[in-house]
Amino acid sequence: MRELGRELAQAGRYLTQSLRLMVGVPDYGSYLAHHQATHPEREPMSYEEFFRERQAARYSARAGKCC
């Protein structure tokens, strides 16, 4: 029974993440994990900085990614 509960919770997290991506809400947790794995020497952006940067990237004409 516990295993089913864990699987349902994980499915809920995936569904939430998918819905947020569909409507354009960026995933700060994924950003932090990526940042720690690829840029550990640099300070990560605050949530507010991250949100503004993602909105600018979404609505501006510039293209590109960090990696």
N, C-alpha and C. Protein backbone atom coordinates (compact mmCIF):
# COMPACT_ATOMS: atom_id res chain seq x y z
N MET A 1 0.83 -1.19 0.00
CA MET A 1 0.00 0.00 0.00
C MET A 1 0.87 1.26 0.00
N ARG A 2 1.96 1.23 0.76
CA ARG A 2 2.86 2.39 0.80
C ARG A 2 3.48 2.66 -0.56
N GLU A 3 3.80 1.59 -1.26
CA GLU A 3 4.39 1.73 -2.60
C GLU A 3 3.43 2.43 -3.55
N LEU A 4 2.17 2.07 -3.48
CA LEU A 4 1.16 2.71 -4.31
C LEU A 4 1.06 4.20 -3.98
N GLY A 5 1.11 4.53 -2.70
CA GLY A 5 1.06 5.93 -2.28
C GLY A 5 2.24 6.71 -2.83
N ARG A 6 3.42 6.12 -2.79
CA ARG A 6 4.62 6.78 -3.33
C ARG A 6 4.50 6.98 -4.83
N GLU A 7 4.00 5.96 -5.52
CA GLU A 7 3.83 6.06 -6.97
C GLU A 7 2.81 7.13 -7.34
N LEU A 8 1.72 7.21 -6.60
CA LEU A 8 0.71 8.24 -6.86
C LEU A 8 1.27 9.64 -6.58
N ALA A 9 2.05 9.78 -5.52
CA ALA A 9 2.65 11.07 -5.21
C ALA A 9 3.61 11.49 -6.31
N GLN A 10 4.41 10.55 -6.80
CA GLN A 10 5.35 10.85 -7.90
C GLN A 10 4.60 11.22 -9.17
N ALA A 11 3.53 10.51 -9.46
CA ALA A 11 2.72 10.83 -10.63
C ALA A 11 2.11 12.23 -10.49
N GLY A 12 1.70 12.57 -9.31
CA GLY A 12 1.16 13.90 -9.06
C GLY A 12 2.19 14.99 -9.29
N ARG A 13 3.43 14.74 -8.85
CA ARG A 13 4.51 15.72 -9.07
C ARG A 13 4.80 15.87 -10.56
N TYR A 14 4.82 14.77 -11.30
CA TYR A 14 5.06 14.84 -12.74
C TYR A 14 3.92 15.59 -13.45
N LEU A 15 2.69 15.31 -13.04
CA LEU A 15 1.55 15.99 -13.63
C LEU A 15 1.60 17.50 -13.35
N THR A 16 1.91 17.87 -12.12
CA THR A 16 2.03 19.28 -11.76
C THR A 16 3.11 19.96 -12.57
N GLN A 17 4.26 19.33 -12.68
CA GLN A 17 5.36 19.90 -13.47
C GLN A 17 4.95 20.05 -14.93
N SER A 18 4.29 19.06 -15.48
CA SER A 18 3.86 19.12 -16.88
C SER A 18 2.86 20.25 -17.09
N LEU A 19 1.90 20.38 -16.20
CA LEU A 19 0.90 21.44 -16.32
C LEU A 19 1.55 22.82 -16.21
N ARG A 20 2.48 22.97 -15.30
CA ARG A 20 3.17 24.25 -15.16
C ARG A 20 3.94 24.60 -16.43
N LEU A 21 4.60 23.62 -17.01
CA LEU A 21 5.34 23.88 -18.25
C LEU A 21 4.40 24.23 -19.39
N MET A 22 3.23 23.60 -19.44
CA MET A 22 2.27 23.88 -20.51
C MET A 22 1.75 25.32 -20.46
N VAL A 23 1.60 25.84 -19.26
CA VAL A 23 1.06 27.21 -19.14
C VAL A 23 2.17 28.24 -18.98
N GLY A 24 3.42 27.80 -19.00
CA GLY A 24 4.54 28.73 -18.99
C GLY A 24 5.09 29.10 -17.64
N VAL A 25 4.74 28.36 -16.60
CA VAL A 25 5.30 28.62 -15.27
C VAL A 25 6.60 27.83 -15.16
N PRO A 26 7.74 28.52 -15.02
CA PRO A 26 9.02 27.82 -14.98
C PRO A 26 9.21 27.00 -13.70
N ASP A 27 10.03 25.97 -13.78
CA ASP A 27 10.28 25.07 -12.65
C ASP A 27 11.59 25.44 -11.97
N TYR A 28 11.50 26.16 -10.87
CA TYR A 28 12.67 26.64 -10.15
C TYR A 28 13.48 25.48 -9.56
N GLY A 29 12.81 24.44 -9.10
CA GLY A 29 13.51 23.29 -8.54
C GLY A 29 14.41 22.61 -9.56
N SER A 30 13.92 22.46 -10.78
CA SER A 30 14.74 21.87 -11.84
C SER A 30 15.92 22.77 -12.18
N TYR A 31 15.66 24.08 -12.19
CA TYR A 31 16.75 25.03 -12.43
C TYR A 31 17.84 24.88 -11.37
N LEU A 32 17.44 24.81 -10.10
CA LEU A 32 18.44 24.68 -9.02
C LEU A 32 19.24 23.39 -9.16
N ALA A 33 18.58 22.29 -9.50
CA ALA A 33 19.28 21.02 -9.67
C ALA A 33 20.26 21.11 -10.83
N HIS A 34 19.83 21.68 -11.95
CA HIS A 34 20.70 21.85 -13.11
C HIS A 34 21.89 22.76 -12.77
N HIS A 35 21.60 23.85 -12.09
CA HIS A 35 22.64 24.82 -11.74
C HIS A 35 23.69 24.17 -10.83
N GLN A 36 23.24 23.42 -9.84
CA GLN A 36 24.17 22.77 -8.92
C GLN A 36 25.03 21.74 -9.65
N ALA A 37 24.43 21.03 -10.60
CA ALA A 37 25.16 19.99 -11.33
C ALA A 37 26.14 20.56 -12.35
N THR A 38 25.82 21.70 -12.96
CA THR A 38 26.64 22.20 -14.05
C THR A 38 27.42 23.47 -13.74
N HIS A 39 26.98 24.24 -12.74
CA HIS A 39 27.64 25.50 -12.40
C HIS A 39 27.80 25.65 -10.88
N PRO A 40 28.37 24.67 -10.19
CA PRO A 40 28.41 24.73 -8.72
C PRO A 40 29.22 25.90 -8.16
N GLU A 41 30.11 26.45 -8.97
CA GLU A 41 30.95 27.54 -8.49
C GLU A 41 30.22 28.88 -8.49
N ARG A 42 29.06 28.95 -9.15
CA ARG A 42 28.32 30.21 -9.26
C ARG A 42 27.09 30.21 -8.36
N GLU A 43 26.73 31.38 -7.89
CA GLU A 43 25.53 31.54 -7.07
C GLU A 43 24.28 31.45 -7.96
N PRO A 44 23.29 30.64 -7.59
CA PRO A 44 22.08 30.57 -8.41
C PRO A 44 21.25 31.84 -8.27
N MET A 45 20.39 32.09 -9.26
CA MET A 45 19.48 33.23 -9.19
C MET A 45 18.44 32.98 -8.10
N SER A 46 17.92 34.06 -7.54
CA SER A 46 16.80 33.94 -6.63
C SER A 46 15.58 33.54 -7.46
N TYR A 47 14.50 33.14 -6.79
CA TYR A 47 13.30 32.76 -7.53
C TYR A 47 12.79 33.93 -8.36
N GLU A 48 12.83 35.12 -7.79
CA GLU A 48 12.35 36.31 -8.50
C GLU A 48 13.19 36.59 -9.74
N GLU A 49 14.52 36.51 -9.61
CA GLU A 49 15.40 36.71 -10.76
C GLU A 49 15.16 35.64 -11.82
N PHE A 50 15.03 34.40 -11.37
CA PHE A 50 14.79 33.28 -12.28
C PHE A 50 13.47 33.48 -13.04
N PHE A 51 12.42 33.86 -12.32
CA PHE A 51 11.13 34.04 -12.96
C PHE A 51 11.19 35.16 -14.00
N ARG A 52 11.81 36.29 -13.67
CA ARG A 52 11.92 37.39 -14.62
C ARG A 52 12.73 36.99 -15.85
N GLU A 53 13.82 36.25 -15.63
CA GLU A 53 14.67 35.81 -16.74
C GLU A 53 13.92 34.86 -17.66
N ARG A 54 13.16 33.93 -17.09
CA ARG A 54 12.39 32.97 -17.90
C ARG A 54 11.28 33.68 -18.67
N GLN A 55 10.64 34.65 -18.05
CA GLN A 55 9.60 35.41 -18.76
C GLN A 55 10.22 36.19 -19.91
N ALA A 56 11.36 36.82 -19.67
CA ALA A 56 12.04 37.57 -20.74
C ALA A 56 12.44 36.62 -21.87
N ALA A 57 12.95 35.44 -21.53
CA ALA A 57 13.36 34.47 -22.55
C ALA A 57 12.14 33.99 -23.35
N ARG A 58 11.03 33.83 -22.69
CA ARG A 58 9.84 33.33 -23.37
C ARG A 58 9.25 34.35 -24.34
N TYR A 59 9.25 35.60 -23.92
CA TYR A 59 8.57 36.62 -24.72
C TYR A 59 9.48 37.49 -25.57
N SER A 60 10.79 37.30 -25.49
CA SER A 60 11.68 38.09 -26.33
C SER A 60 12.06 37.29 -27.57
N ALA A 61 12.70 37.97 -28.52
CA ALA A 61 13.07 37.33 -29.78
C ALA A 61 14.41 36.62 -29.71
N ARG A 62 15.16 36.87 -28.68
CA ARG A 62 16.48 36.25 -28.59
C ARG A 62 16.37 34.75 -28.38
N ALA A 63 17.34 34.02 -28.90
CA ALA A 63 17.34 32.56 -28.76
C ALA A 63 18.62 32.13 -28.07
N GLY A 64 18.57 31.00 -27.41
CA GLY A 64 19.77 30.43 -26.81
C GLY A 64 19.50 29.87 -25.43
N LYS A 65 20.41 29.07 -24.98
CA LYS A 65 20.34 28.46 -23.66
C LYS A 65 21.71 28.56 -23.01
N CYS A 66 21.78 28.26 -21.75
CA CYS A 66 23.08 28.34 -21.08
C CYS A 66 23.97 27.17 -21.48
N CYS A 67 23.37 26.00 -21.76
CA CYS A 67 24.19 24.82 -22.05
C CYS A 67 23.75 24.16 -23.35
